[in-house]
PDB file of N, CA and C in Angstrom:
ATOM      1  N   MET A   1     -14.310  23.660 -40.554  1.00  0.00           N
ATOM      2  CA  MET A   1     -13.262  22.973 -39.837  1.00  0.00           C
ATOM      3  C   MET A   1     -13.082  23.577 -38.441  1.00  0.00           C
ATOM      4  N   ASN A   2     -13.020  24.922 -38.389  1.00  0.00           N
ATOM      5  CA  ASN A   2     -12.837  25.591 -37.127  1.00  0.00           C
ATOM      6  C   ASN A   2     -14.038  25.354 -36.210  1.00  0.00           C
ATOM      7  N   ARG A   3     -15.246  25.360 -36.779  1.00  0.00           N
ATOM      8  CA  ARG A   3     -16.464  25.140 -36.004  1.00  0.00           C
ATOM      9  C   ARG A   3     -16.496  23.705 -35.466  1.00  0.00           C
ATOM     10  N   ALA A   4     -16.071  22.755 -36.257  1.00  0.00           N
ATOM     11  CA  ALA A   4     -16.056  21.352 -35.824  1.00  0.00           C
ATOM     12  C   ALA A   4     -15.051  21.155 -34.682  1.00  0.00           C
ATOM     13  N   LEU A   5     -13.923  21.814 -34.750  1.00  0.00           N
ATOM     14  CA  LEU A   5     -12.918  21.721 -33.689  1.00  0.00           C
ATOM     15  C   LEU A   5     -13.444  22.329 -32.390  1.00  0.00           C
ATOM     16  N   GLN A   6     -14.164  23.440 -32.483  1.00  0.00           N
ATOM     17  CA  GLN A   6     -14.752  24.064 -31.302  1.00  0.00           C
ATOM     18  C   GLN A   6     -15.789  23.147 -30.652  1.00  0.00           C
ATOM     19  N   ILE A   7     -16.615  22.524 -31.459  1.00  0.00           N
ATOM     20  CA  ILE A   7     -17.630  21.603 -30.924  1.00  0.00           C
ATOM     21  C   ILE A   7     -16.961  20.399 -30.271  1.00  0.00           C
ATOM     22  N   LEU A   8     -15.920  19.874 -30.899  1.00  0.00           N
ATOM     23  CA  LEU A   8     -15.198  18.735 -30.333  1.00  0.00           C
ATOM     24  C   LEU A   8     -14.552  19.109 -28.997  1.00  0.00           C
ATOM     25  N   MET A   9     -13.953  20.286 -28.922  1.00  0.00           N
ATOM     26  CA  MET A   9     -13.323  20.729 -27.673  1.00  0.00           C
ATOM     27  C   MET A   9     -14.374  20.952 -26.583  1.00  0.00           C
ATOM     28  N   LEU A  10     -15.532  21.464 -26.964  1.00  0.00           N
ATOM     29  CA  LEU A  10     -16.621  21.650 -26.004  1.00  0.00           C
ATOM     30  C   LEU A  10     -17.098  20.302 -25.469  1.00  0.00           C
ATOM     31  N   LEU A  11     -17.233  19.311 -26.329  1.00  0.00           N
ATOM     32  CA  LEU A  11     -17.643  17.966 -25.887  1.00  0.00           C
ATOM     33  C   LEU A  11     -16.606  17.351 -24.956  1.00  0.00           C
ATOM     34  N   VAL A  12     -15.328  17.519 -25.272  1.00  0.00           N
ATOM     35  CA  VAL A  12     -14.271  16.997 -24.406  1.00  0.00           C
ATOM     36  C   VAL A  12     -14.328  17.677 -23.040  1.00  0.00           C
ATOM     37  N   LEU A  13     -14.539  18.983 -23.011  1.00  0.00           N
ATOM     38  CA  LEU A  13     -14.632  19.722 -21.758  1.00  0.00           C
ATOM     39  C   LEU A  13     -15.833  19.261 -20.930  1.00  0.00           C
ATOM     40  N   VAL A  14     -16.972  19.043 -21.584  1.00  0.00           N
ATOM     41  CA  VAL A  14     -18.175  18.577 -20.882  1.00  0.00           C
ATOM     42  C   VAL A  14     -17.937  17.181 -20.293  1.00  0.00           C
ATOM     43  N   VAL A  15     -17.295  16.303 -21.041  1.00  0.00           N
ATOM     44  CA  VAL A  15     -17.010  14.951 -20.539  1.00  0.00           C
ATOM     45  C   VAL A  15     -16.058  15.013 -19.347  1.00  0.00           C
ATOM     46  N   LEU A  16     -15.027  15.836 -19.413  1.00  0.00           N
ATOM     47  CA  LEU A  16     -14.099  15.976 -18.291  1.00  0.00           C
ATOM     48  C   LEU A  16     -14.793  16.541 -17.048  1.00  0.00           C
ATOM     49  N   LEU A  17     -15.623  17.555 -17.216  1.00  0.00           N
ATOM     50  CA  LEU A  17     -16.354  18.118 -16.078  1.00  0.00           C
ATOM     51  C   LEU A  17     -17.336  17.104 -15.497  1.00  0.00           C
ATOM     52  N   ALA A  18     -17.974  16.311 -16.346  1.00  0.00           N
ATOM     53  CA  ALA A  18     -18.876  15.267 -15.857  1.00  0.00           C
ATOM     54  C   ALA A  18     -18.097  14.213 -15.067  1.00  0.00           C
ATOM     55  N   GLY A  19     -16.901  13.878 -15.513  1.00  0.00           N
ATOM     56  CA  GLY A  19     -16.063  12.922 -14.781  1.00  0.00           C
ATOM     57  C   GLY A  19     -15.657  13.455 -13.415  1.00  0.00           C
ATOM     58  N   VAL A  20     -15.295  14.725 -13.345  1.00  0.00           N
ATOM     59  CA  VAL A  20     -14.938  15.340 -12.065  1.00  0.00           C
ATOM     60  C   VAL A  20     -16.158  15.363 -11.139  1.00  0.00           C
ATOM     61  N   LEU A  21     -17.320  15.727 -11.670  1.00  0.00           N
ATOM     62  CA  LEU A  21     -18.542  15.753 -10.873  1.00  0.00           C
ATOM     63  C   LEU A  21     -18.883  14.360 -10.356  1.00  0.00           C
ATOM     64  N   PHE A  22     -18.778  13.353 -11.211  1.00  0.00           N
ATOM     65  CA  PHE A  22     -19.041  11.974 -10.789  1.00  0.00           C
ATOM     66  C   PHE A  22     -18.085  11.556  -9.672  1.00  0.00           C
ATOM     67  N   THR A  23     -16.816  11.897  -9.799  1.00  0.00           N
ATOM     68  CA  THR A  23     -15.822  11.555  -8.767  1.00  0.00           C
ATOM     69  C   THR A  23     -16.151  12.235  -7.450  1.00  0.00           C
ATOM     70  N   LEU A  24     -16.516  13.505  -7.483  1.00  0.00           N
ATOM     71  CA  LEU A  24     -16.857  14.227  -6.250  1.00  0.00           C
ATOM     72  C   LEU A  24     -18.111  13.650  -5.591  1.00  0.00           C
ATOM     73  N   ILE A  25     -19.103  13.282  -6.382  1.00  0.00           N
ATOM     74  CA  ILE A  25     -20.317  12.672  -5.827  1.00  0.00           C
ATOM     75  C   ILE A  25     -19.994  11.311  -5.218  1.00  0.00           C
ATOM     76  N   ASP A  26     -19.149  10.537  -5.874  1.00  0.00           N
ATOM     77  CA  ASP A  26     -18.754   9.228  -5.341  1.00  0.00           C
ATOM     78  C   ASP A  26     -17.999   9.374  -4.024  1.00  0.00           C
ATOM     79  N   ILE A  27     -17.110  10.345  -3.919  1.00  0.00           N
ATOM     80  CA  ILE A  27     -16.378  10.584  -2.670  1.00  0.00           C
ATOM     81  C   ILE A  27     -17.345  11.025  -1.575  1.00  0.00           C
ATOM     82  N   ALA A  28     -18.319  11.868  -1.917  1.00  0.00           N
ATOM     83  CA  ALA A  28     -19.286  12.333  -0.924  1.00  0.00           C
ATOM     84  C   ALA A  28     -20.140  11.182  -0.398  1.00  0.00           C
ATOM     85  N   ARG A  29     -20.490  10.228  -1.261  1.00  0.00           N
ATOM     86  CA  ARG A  29     -21.322   9.092  -0.840  1.00  0.00           C
ATOM     87  C   ARG A  29     -20.528   8.013  -0.135  1.00  0.00           C
ATOM     88  N   ASN A  30     -19.386   7.629  -0.675  1.00  0.00           N
ATOM     89  CA  ASN A  30     -18.642   6.471  -0.185  1.00  0.00           C
ATOM     90  C   ASN A  30     -17.372   6.814   0.576  1.00  0.00           C
ATOM     91  N   GLY A  31     -16.911   8.045   0.524  1.00  0.00           N
ATOM     92  CA  GLY A  31     -15.674   8.405   1.194  1.00  0.00           C
ATOM     93  C   GLY A  31     -14.462   7.895   0.443  1.00  0.00           C
ATOM     94  N   VAL A  32     -13.311   8.001   1.098  1.00  0.00           N
ATOM     95  CA  VAL A  32     -12.049   7.549   0.518  1.00  0.00           C
ATOM     96  C   VAL A  32     -11.643   6.273   1.234  1.00  0.00           C
ATOM     97  N   ARG A  33     -11.409   5.218   0.488  1.00  0.00           N
ATOM     98  CA  ARG A  33     -11.029   3.934   1.078  1.00  0.00           C
ATOM     99  C   ARG A  33      -9.578   3.987   1.548  1.00  0.00           C
ATOM    100  N   LEU A  34      -9.337   3.546   2.784  1.00  0.00           N
ATOM    101  CA  LEU A  34      -7.992   3.505   3.344  1.00  0.00           C
ATOM    102  C   LEU A  34      -7.535   2.059   3.378  1.00  0.00           C
ATOM    103  N   GLU A  35      -6.388   1.783   2.797  1.00  0.00           N
ATOM    104  CA  GLU A  35      -5.840   0.433   2.801  1.00  0.00           C
ATOM    105  C   GLU A  35      -4.494   0.458   3.507  1.00  0.00           C
ATOM    106  N   LEU A  36      -4.407  -0.264   4.620  1.00  0.00           N
ATOM    107  CA  LEU A  36      -3.189  -0.329   5.404  1.00  0.00           C
ATOM    108  C   LEU A  36      -2.486  -1.643   5.118  1.00  0.00           C
ATOM    109  N   ALA A  37      -1.188  -1.593   4.931  1.00  0.00           N
ATOM    110  CA  ALA A  37      -0.417  -2.804   4.667  1.00  0.00           C
ATOM    111  C   ALA A  37       0.950  -2.681   5.323  1.00  0.00           C
ATOM    112  N   GLY A  38       1.522  -3.810   5.686  1.00  0.00           N
ATOM    113  CA  GLY A  38       2.856  -3.806   6.269  1.00  0.00           C
ATOM    114  C   GLY A  38       2.827  -3.492   7.747  1.00  0.00           C
ATOM    115  N   SER A  39       3.995  -3.340   8.326  1.00  0.00           N
ATOM    116  CA  SER A  39       4.090  -3.059   9.752  1.00  0.00           C
ATOM    117  C   SER A  39       4.031  -1.558   9.990  1.00  0.00           C
ATOM    118  N   VAL A  40       3.592  -1.189  11.170  1.00  0.00           N
ATOM    119  CA  VAL A  40       3.523   0.210  11.565  1.00  0.00           C
ATOM    120  C   VAL A  40       4.578   0.428  12.635  1.00  0.00           C
ATOM    121  N   ASP A  41       5.516   1.314  12.373  1.00  0.00           N
ATOM    122  CA  ASP A  41       6.585   1.598  13.325  1.00  0.00           C
ATOM    123  C   ASP A  41       6.325   2.941  13.986  1.00  0.00           C
ATOM    124  N   VAL A  42       6.411   2.950  15.306  1.00  0.00           N
ATOM    125  CA  VAL A  42       6.324   4.193  16.070  1.00  0.00           C
ATOM    126  C   VAL A  42       7.706   4.428  16.635  1.00  0.00           C
ATOM    127  N   ARG A  43       8.368   5.493  16.200  1.00  0.00           N
ATOM    128  CA  ARG A  43       9.762   5.728  16.569  1.00  0.00           C
ATOM    129  C   ARG A  43       9.926   7.072  17.269  1.00  0.00           C
ATOM    130  N   GLY A  44      11.047   7.216  17.994  1.00  0.00           N
ATOM    131  CA  GLY A  44      11.418   8.518  18.499  1.00  0.00           C
ATOM    132  C   GLY A  44      11.490   8.669  20.003  1.00  0.00           C
ATOM    133  N   MET A  45      11.167   7.645  20.798  1.00  0.00           N
ATOM    134  CA  MET A  45      11.232   7.800  22.253  1.00  0.00           C
ATOM    135  C   MET A  45      12.515   7.167  22.755  1.00  0.00           C
ATOM    136  N   PRO A  46      13.490   7.969  23.189  1.00  0.00           N
ATOM    137  CA  PRO A  46      14.788   7.420  23.573  1.00  0.00           C
ATOM    138  C   PRO A  46      14.809   6.777  24.956  1.00  0.00           C
ATOM    139  N   GLU A  47      13.851   7.069  25.812  1.00  0.00           N
ATOM    140  CA  GLU A  47      13.869   6.565  27.173  1.00  0.00           C
ATOM    141  C   GLU A  47      13.095   5.256  27.295  1.00  0.00           C
ATOM    142  N   GLU A  48      13.328   4.554  28.373  1.00  0.00           N
ATOM    143  CA  GLU A  48      12.617   3.306  28.646  1.00  0.00           C
ATOM    144  C   GLU A  48      11.746   3.511  29.871  1.00  0.00           C
ATOM    145  N   ILE A  49      10.497   3.104  29.797  1.00  0.00           N
ATOM    146  CA  ILE A  49       9.557   3.274  30.903  1.00  0.00           C
ATOM    147  C   ILE A  49       9.065   1.901  31.321  1.00  0.00           C
ATOM    148  N   GLY A  50       9.163   1.582  32.593  1.00  0.00           N
ATOM    149  CA  GLY A  50       8.686   0.308  33.103  1.00  0.00           C
ATOM    150  C   GLY A  50       7.312   0.460  33.724  1.00  0.00           C
ATOM    151  N   LEU A  51       6.355  -0.364  33.318  1.00  0.00           N
ATOM    152  CA  LEU A  51       4.999  -0.318  33.842  1.00  0.00           C
ATOM    153  C   LEU A  51       4.617  -1.691  34.370  1.00  0.00           C
ATOM    154  N   SER A  52       3.795  -1.707  35.389  1.00  0.00           N
ATOM    155  CA  SER A  52       3.281  -2.959  35.926  1.00  0.00           C
ATOM    156  C   SER A  52       1.787  -2.788  36.124  1.00  0.00           C
ATOM    157  N   MET A  53       0.990  -3.696  35.559  1.00  0.00           N
ATOM    158  CA  MET A  53      -0.458  -3.566  35.659  1.00  0.00           C
ATOM    159  C   MET A  53      -1.110  -4.935  35.726  1.00  0.00           C
ATOM    160  N   GLY A  54      -2.202  -5.020  36.440  1.00  0.00           N
ATOM    161  CA  GLY A  54      -2.911  -6.282  36.585  1.00  0.00           C
ATOM    162  C   GLY A  54      -4.042  -6.457  35.604  1.00  0.00           C
ATOM    163  N   GLU A  55      -4.475  -5.391  34.950  1.00  0.00           N
ATOM    164  CA  GLU A  55      -5.572  -5.469  33.989  1.00  0.00           C
ATOM    165  C   GLU A  55      -5.330  -4.449  32.882  1.00  0.00           C
ATOM    166  N   PRO A  56      -6.133  -4.478  31.807  1.00  0.00           N
ATOM    167  CA  PRO A  56      -5.910  -3.529  30.700  1.00  0.00           C
ATOM    168  C   PRO A  56      -6.017  -2.085  31.162  1.00  0.00           C
ATOM    169  N   VAL A  57      -5.163  -1.252  30.599  1.00  0.00           N
ATOM    170  CA  VAL A  57      -5.153   0.173  30.930  1.00  0.00           C
ATOM    171  C   VAL A  57      -5.130   0.980  29.635  1.00  0.00           C
ATOM    172  N   THR A  58      -5.470   2.248  29.752  1.00  0.00           N
ATOM    173  CA  THR A  58      -5.384   3.160  28.615  1.00  0.00           C
ATOM    174  C   THR A  58      -4.055   3.879  28.690  1.00  0.00           C
ATOM    175  N   LEU A  59      -3.293   3.839  27.596  1.00  0.00           N
ATOM    176  CA  LEU A  59      -1.979   4.454  27.531  1.00  0.00           C
ATOM    177  C   LEU A  59      -2.060   5.659  26.606  1.00  0.00           C
ATOM    178  N   VAL A  60      -1.725   6.852  27.123  1.00  0.00           N
ATOM    179  CA  VAL A  60      -1.768   8.083  26.337  1.00  0.00           C
ATOM    180  C   VAL A  60      -0.357   8.626  26.228  1.00  0.00           C
ATOM    181  N   LEU A  61       0.117   8.820  24.983  1.00  0.00           N
ATOM    182  CA  LEU A  61       1.464   9.341  24.743  1.00  0.00           C
ATOM    183  C   LEU A  61       1.343  10.647  23.968  1.00  0.00           C
ATOM    184  N   ASP A  62       1.952  11.712  24.492  1.00  0.00           N
ATOM    185  CA  ASP A  62       1.918  12.997  23.801  1.00  0.00           C
ATOM    186  C   ASP A  62       2.910  13.054  22.650  1.00  0.00           C
ATOM    187  N   ASP A  63       4.043  12.365  22.782  1.00  0.00           N
ATOM    188  CA  ASP A  63       5.075  12.354  21.754  1.00  0.00           C
ATOM    189  C   ASP A  63       5.165  10.960  21.146  1.00  0.00           C
ATOM    190  N   SER A  64       5.986  10.823  20.127  1.00  0.00           N
ATOM    191  CA  SER A  64       6.231   9.511  19.528  1.00  0.00           C
ATOM    192  C   SER A  64       6.855   8.589  20.560  1.00  0.00           C
ATOM    193  N   ALA A  65       6.593   7.282  20.431  1.00  0.00           N
ATOM    194  CA  ALA A  65       7.099   6.338  21.428  1.00  0.00           C
ATOM    195  C   ALA A  65       7.360   4.980  20.792  1.00  0.00           C
ATOM    196  N   ASN A  66       8.186   4.167  21.458  1.00  0.00           N
ATOM    197  CA  ASN A  66       8.451   2.797  21.060  1.00  0.00           C
ATOM    198  C   ASN A  66       7.933   1.906  22.184  1.00  0.00           C
ATOM    199  N   LEU A  67       6.979   1.044  21.897  1.00  0.00           N
ATOM    200  CA  LEU A  67       6.360   0.220  22.920  1.00  0.00           C
ATOM    201  C   LEU A  67       6.878  -1.210  22.808  1.00  0.00           C
ATOM    202  N   THR A  68       7.562  -1.666  23.865  1.00  0.00           N
ATOM    203  CA  THR A  68       8.053  -3.040  23.941  1.00  0.00           C
ATOM    204  C   THR A  68       7.513  -3.644  25.230  1.00  0.00           C
ATOM    205  N   VAL A  69       6.886  -4.803  25.133  1.00  0.00           N
ATOM    206  CA  VAL A  69       6.285  -5.440  26.306  1.00  0.00           C
ATOM    207  C   VAL A  69       7.065  -6.709  26.617  1.00  0.00           C
ATOM    208  N   THR A  70       7.652  -6.764  27.824  1.00  0.00           N
ATOM    209  CA  THR A  70       8.390  -7.951  28.263  1.00  0.00           C
ATOM    210  C   THR A  70       7.931  -8.339  29.659  1.00  0.00           C
ATOM    211  N   GLY A  71       8.079  -9.606  29.959  1.00  0.00           N
ATOM    212  CA  GLY A  71       7.711 -10.118  31.266  1.00  0.00           C
ATOM    213  C   GLY A  71       8.855  -9.999  32.255  1.00  0.00           C
ATOM    214  N   PRO A  72       8.646 -10.485  33.499  1.00  0.00           N
ATOM    215  CA  PRO A  72       9.688 -10.398  34.517  1.00  0.00           C
ATOM    216  C   PRO A  72      10.958 -11.162  34.133  1.00  0.00           C
ATOM    217  N   ASP A  73      10.809 -12.208  33.311  1.00  0.00           N
ATOM    218  CA  ASP A  73      11.974 -12.990  32.912  1.00  0.00           C
ATOM    219  C   ASP A  73      12.624 -12.464  31.633  1.00  0.00           C
ATOM    220  N   GLY A  74      12.113 -11.368  31.092  1.00  0.00           N
ATOM    221  CA  GLY A  74      12.678 -10.792  29.870  1.00  0.00           C
ATOM    222  C   GLY A  74      12.038 -11.312  28.604  1.00  0.00           C
ATOM    223  N   GLY A  75      11.123 -12.268  28.711  1.00  0.00           N
ATOM    224  CA  GLY A  75      10.439 -12.797  27.525  1.00  0.00           C
ATOM    225  C   GLY A  75       9.314 -11.875  27.086  1.00  0.00           C
ATOM    226  N   SER A  76       8.937 -12.008  25.844  1.00  0.00           N
ATOM    227  CA  SER A  76       7.901 -11.122  25.325  1.00  0.00           C
ATOM    228  C   SER A  76       6.520 -11.546  25.820  1.00  0.00           C
ATOM    229  N   LEU A  77       5.651 -10.576  25.954  1.00  0.00           N
ATOM    230  CA  LEU A  77       4.283 -10.802  26.393  1.00  0.00           C
ATOM    231  C   LEU A  77       3.326 -10.355  25.301  1.00  0.00           C
ATOM    232  N   PRO A  78       2.158 -10.981  25.213  1.00  0.00           N
ATOM    233  CA  PRO A  78       1.185 -10.513  24.221  1.00  0.00           C
ATOM    234  C   PRO A  78       0.638  -9.147  24.622  1.00  0.00           C
ATOM    235  N   ALA A  79       0.568  -8.255  23.669  1.00  0.00           N
ATOM    236  CA  ALA A  79       0.044  -6.914  23.929  1.00  0.00           C
ATOM    237  C   ALA A  79      -0.578  -6.381  22.652  1.00  0.00           C
ATOM    238  N   SER A  80      -1.504  -5.476  22.813  1.00  0.00           N
ATOM    239  CA  SER A  80      -2.088  -4.831  21.644  1.00  0.00           C
ATOM    240  C   SER A  80      -2.134  -3.335  21.894  1.00  0.00           C
ATOM    241  N   LEU A  81      -1.904  -2.591  20.852  1.00  0.00           N
ATOM    242  CA  LEU A  81      -1.949  -1.142  20.903  1.00  0.00           C
ATOM    243  C   LEU A  81      -2.882  -0.719  19.776  1.00  0.00           C
ATOM    244  N   SER A  82      -3.970  -0.078  20.117  1.00  0.00           N
ATOM    245  CA  SER A  82      -4.935   0.279  19.086  1.00  0.00           C
ATOM    246  C   SER A  82      -5.414   1.704  19.274  1.00  0.00           C
ATOM    247  N   LEU A  83      -5.853   2.296  18.177  1.00  0.00           N
ATOM    248  CA  LEU A  83      -6.422   3.625  18.231  1.00  0.00           C
ATOM    249  C   LEU A  83      -7.837   3.586  18.788  1.00  0.00           C
ATOM    250  N   LEU A  84      -8.533   2.478  18.523  1.00  0.00           N
ATOM    251  CA  LEU A  84      -9.913   2.337  18.955  1.00  0.00           C
ATOM    252  C   LEU A  84     -10.195   0.865  19.221  1.00  0.00           C
ATOM    253  N   PRO A  85     -10.594   0.484  20.439  1.00  0.00           N
ATOM    254  CA  PRO A  85     -10.938  -0.911  20.693  1.00  0.00           C
ATOM    255  C   PRO A  85     -12.345  -1.225  20.191  1.00  0.00           C
ATOM    256  N   CYS A  86     -12.548  -2.453  19.739  1.00  0.00           N
ATOM    257  CA  CYS A  86     -13.845  -2.889  19.236  1.00  0.00           C
ATOM    258  C   CYS A  86     -14.842  -2.972  20.399  1.00  0.00           C
ATOM    259  N   PRO A  87     -16.038  -2.397  20.247  1.00  0.00           N
ATOM    260  CA  PRO A  87     -17.009  -2.471  21.329  1.00  0.00           C
ATOM    261  C   PRO A  87     -17.571  -3.882  21.525  1.00  0.00           C
ATOM    262  N   ALA A  88     -17.482  -4.740  20.503  1.00  0.00           N
ATOM    263  CA  ALA A  88     -18.025  -6.092  20.604  1.00  0.00           C
ATOM    264  C   ALA A  88     -17.042  -7.069  21.243  1.00  0.00           C
ATOM    265  N   CYS A  89     -15.772  -7.055  20.801  1.00  0.00           N
ATOM    266  CA  CYS A  89     -14.826  -8.066  21.282  1.00  0.00           C
ATOM    267  C   CYS A  89     -13.575  -7.477  21.936  1.00  0.00           C
ATOM    268  N   GLY A  90     -13.339  -6.175  21.830  1.00  0.00           N
ATOM    269  CA  GLY A  90     -12.180  -5.549  22.451  1.00  0.00           C
ATOM    270  C   GLY A  90     -10.916  -5.572  21.619  1.00  0.00           C
ATOM    271  N   ALA A  91     -10.948  -6.192  20.448  1.00  0.00           N
ATOM    272  CA  ALA A  91      -9.778  -6.238  19.561  1.00  0.00           C
ATOM    273  C   ALA A  91      -9.554  -4.846  18.943  1.00  0.00           C
ATOM    274  N   PRO A  92      -8.340  -4.585  18.433  1.00  0.00           N
ATOM    275  CA  PRO A  92      -8.098  -3.275  17.827  1.00  0.00           C
ATOM    276  C   PRO A  92      -8.886  -3.079  16.530  1.00  0.00           C
ATOM    277  N   MET A  93      -9.292  -1.847  16.295  1.00  0.00           N
ATOM    278  CA  MET A  93      -9.997  -1.496  15.061  1.00  0.00           C
ATOM    279  C   MET A  93      -9.090  -0.610  14.218  1.00  0.00           C
ATOM    280  N   LEU A  94      -9.215  -0.733  12.913  1.00  0.00           N
ATOM    281  CA  LEU A  94      -8.416   0.060  11.972  1.00  0.00           C
ATOM    282  C   LEU A  94      -9.331   0.920  11.110  1.00  0.00           C
ATOM    283  N   PRO A  95      -8.872   2.116  10.737  1.00  0.00           N
ATOM    284  CA  PRO A  95      -9.694   2.938   9.842  1.00  0.00           C
ATOM    285  C   PRO A  95      -9.692   2.351   8.441  1.00  0.00           C
ATOM    286  N   VAL A  96     -10.880   2.239   7.826  1.00  0.00           N
ATOM    287  CA  VAL A  96     -10.976   1.669   6.477  1.00  0.00           C
ATOM    288  C   VAL A  96     -11.565   2.639   5.464  1.00  0.00           C
ATOM    289  N   ARG A  97     -12.265   3.680   5.927  1.00  0.00           N
ATOM    290  CA  ARG A  97     -12.853   4.635   4.994  1.00  0.00           C
ATOM    291  C   ARG A  97     -12.973   5.994   5.680  1.00  0.00           C
ATOM    292  N   TRP A  98     -12.700   7.052   4.906  1.00  0.00           N
ATOM    293  CA  TRP A  98     -12.748   8.420   5.427  1.00  0.00           C
ATOM    294  C   TRP A  98     -13.511   9.295   4.458  1.00  0.00           C
ATOM    295  N   ASN A  99     -14.438  10.084   4.975  1.00  0.00           N
ATOM    296  CA  ASN A  99     -15.190  11.015   4.149  1.00  0.00           C
ATOM    297  C   ASN A  99     -14.608  12.413   4.354  1.00  0.00           C
ATOM    298  N   PRO A 100     -13.941  12.976   3.341  1.00  0.00           N
ATOM    299  CA  PRO A 100     -13.302  14.281   3.514  1.00  0.00           C
ATOM    300  C   PRO A 100     -14.297  15.425   3.673  1.00  0.00           C
ATOM    301  N   TRP A 101     -15.544  15.269   3.236  1.00  0.00           N
ATOM    302  CA  TRP A 101     -16.517  16.352   3.339  1.00  0.00           C
ATOM    303  C   TRP A 101     -17.089  16.438   4.750  1.00  0.00           C
ATOM    304  N   SER A 102     -17.426  15.298   5.344  1.00  0.00           N
ATOM    305  CA  SER A 102     -18.023  15.313   6.687  1.00  0.00           C
ATOM    306  C   SER A 102     -17.005  15.034   7.789  1.00  0.00           C
ATOM    307  N   GLY A 103     -15.852  14.452   7.434  1.00  0.00           N
ATOM    308  CA  GLY A 103     -14.852  14.081   8.425  1.00  0.00           C
ATOM    309  C   GLY A 103     -15.130  12.750   9.090  1.00  0.00           C
ATOM    310  N   GLU A 104     -16.208  12.077   8.688  1.00  0.00           N
ATOM    311  CA  GLU A 104     -16.577  10.795   9.283  1.00  0.00           C
ATOM    312  C   GLU A 104     -15.560   9.713   8.915  1.00  0.00           C
ATOM    313  N   ILE A 105     -15.202   8.883   9.917  1.00  0.00           N
ATOM    314  CA  ILE A 105     -14.258   7.783   9.699  1.00  0.00           C
ATOM    315  C   ILE A 105     -14.970   6.469   9.988  1.00  0.00           C
ATOM    316  N   GLU A 106     -14.818   5.508   9.088  1.00  0.00           N
ATOM    317  CA  GLU A 106     -15.379   4.169   9.276  1.00  0.00           C
ATOM    318  C   GLU A 106     -14.266   3.256   9.765  1.00  0.00           C
ATOM    319  N   TRP A 107     -14.512   2.567  10.888  1.00  0.00           N
ATOM    320  CA  TRP A 107     -13.532   1.688  11.517  1.00  0.00           C
ATOM    321  C   TRP A 107     -14.015   0.254  11.402  1.00  0.00           C
ATOM    322  N   ALA A 108     -13.076  -0.687  11.161  1.00  0.00           N
ATOM    323  CA  ALA A 108     -13.408  -2.112  11.078  1.00  0.00           C
ATOM    324  C   ALA A 108     -12.556  -2.889  12.078  1.00  0.00           C
ATOM    325  N   CYS A 109     -13.184  -3.854  12.731  1.00  0.00           N
ATOM    326  CA  CYS A 109     -12.483  -4.686  13.706  1.00  0.00           C
ATOM    327  C   CYS A 109     -11.595  -5.691  12.971  1.00  0.00           C
ATOM    328  N   THR A 110     -10.439  -5.965  13.543  1.00  0.00           N
ATOM    329  CA  THR A 110      -9.504  -6.893  12.906  1.00  0.00           C
ATOM    330  C   THR A 110      -9.854  -8.350  13.162  1.00  0.00           C
ATOM    331  N   SER A 111     -10.744  -8.636  14.130  1.00  0.00           N
ATOM    332  CA  SER A 111     -11.052 -10.040  14.409  1.00  0.00           C
ATOM    333  C   SER A 111     -12.509 -10.410  14.176  1.00  0.00           C
ATOM    334  N   CYS A 112     -13.464  -9.556  14.548  1.00  0.00           N
ATOM    335  CA  CYS A 112     -14.870  -9.957  14.424  1.00  0.00           C
ATOM    336  C   CYS A 112     -15.595  -9.263  13.281  1.00  0.00           C
ATOM    337  N   ASP A 113     -14.915  -8.469  12.499  1.00  0.00           N
ATOM    338  CA  ASP A 113     -15.473  -7.778  11.329  1.00  0.00           C
ATOM    339  C   ASP A 113     -16.586  -6.786  11.662  1.00  0.00           C
ATOM    340  N   ALA A 114     -16.649  -6.310  12.899  1.00  0.00           N
ATOM    341  CA  ALA A 114     -17.608  -5.263  13.249  1.00  0.00           C
ATOM    342  C   ALA A 114     -17.165  -3.958  12.608  1.00  0.00           C
ATOM    343  N   VAL A 115     -18.122  -3.143  12.205  1.00  0.00           N
ATOM    344  CA  VAL A 115     -17.837  -1.855  11.554  1.00  0.00           C
ATOM    345  C   VAL A 115     -18.613  -0.776  12.293  1.00  0.00           C
ATOM    346  N   ILE A 116     -17.916   0.319  12.637  1.00  0.00           N
ATOM    347  CA  ILE A 116     -18.596   1.474  13.235  1.00  0.00           C
ATOM    348  C   ILE A 116     -18.166   2.721  12.510  1.00  0.00           C
ATOM    349  N   ARG A 117     -19.051   3.718  12.527  1.00  0.00           N
ATOM    350  CA  ARG A 117     -18.747   5.012  11.915  1.00  0.00           C
ATOM    351  C   ARG A 117     -18.761   6.062  13.008  1.00  0.00           C
ATOM    352  N   LEU A 118     -17.711   6.844  13.045  1.00  0.00           N
ATOM    353  CA  LEU A 118     -17.604   7.907  14.044  1.00  0.00           C
ATOM    354  C   LEU A 118     -17.559   9.247  13.334  1.00  0.00           C
ATOM    355  N   PRO A 119     -18.328  10.225  13.845  1.00  0.00           N
ATOM    356  CA  PRO A 119     -18.288  11.561  13.219  1.00  0.00           C
ATOM    357  C   PRO A 119     -16.968  12.252  13.531  1.00  0.00           C
ATOM    358  N   ALA A 120     -16.747  13.339  12.829  1.00  0.00           N
ATOM    359  CA  ALA A 120     -15.516  14.119  13.037  1.00  0.00           C
ATOM    360  C   ALA A 120     -15.500  14.674  14.446  1.00  0.00           C
ATOM    361  N   ALA A 121     -14.304  14.771  15.002  1.00  0.00           N
ATOM    362  CA  ALA A 121     -14.157  15.344  16.337  1.00  0.00           C
ATOM    363  C   ALA A 121     -14.464  16.838  16.271  1.00  0.00           C
ATOM    364  N   PRO A 122     -15.125  17.380  17.296  1.00  0.00           N
ATOM    365  CA  PRO A 122     -15.486  18.816  17.261  1.00  0.00           C
ATOM    366  C   PRO A 122     -14.263  19.702  17.382  1.00  0.00           C
TER     367      PRO A 122
END
């Protein structure tokens, strides 16, 4: 009885270790899938900054900020804020997969379905 229990516990341990190994290999090959849903709020900037530009510009913020785009008449204007613009169409790209071992991030375009992989920053 005692010997049978030891063998059963050894088999359970081997199965659990095999499951952990399989999970680690899967993460190394495919990375971790990132799923974004809902709205993204950027909060914390109490001041208002007025900008005027004739063409697209790169906006760099060191602290948290609230971005509101209005026209001269106070009406809203179309604007996009993205971490990475699509090289094919210029639309914003979102992260969809991350590899924790290499640091590589896979980005997908929100409009043309282009996918790029960027290595970890040095």
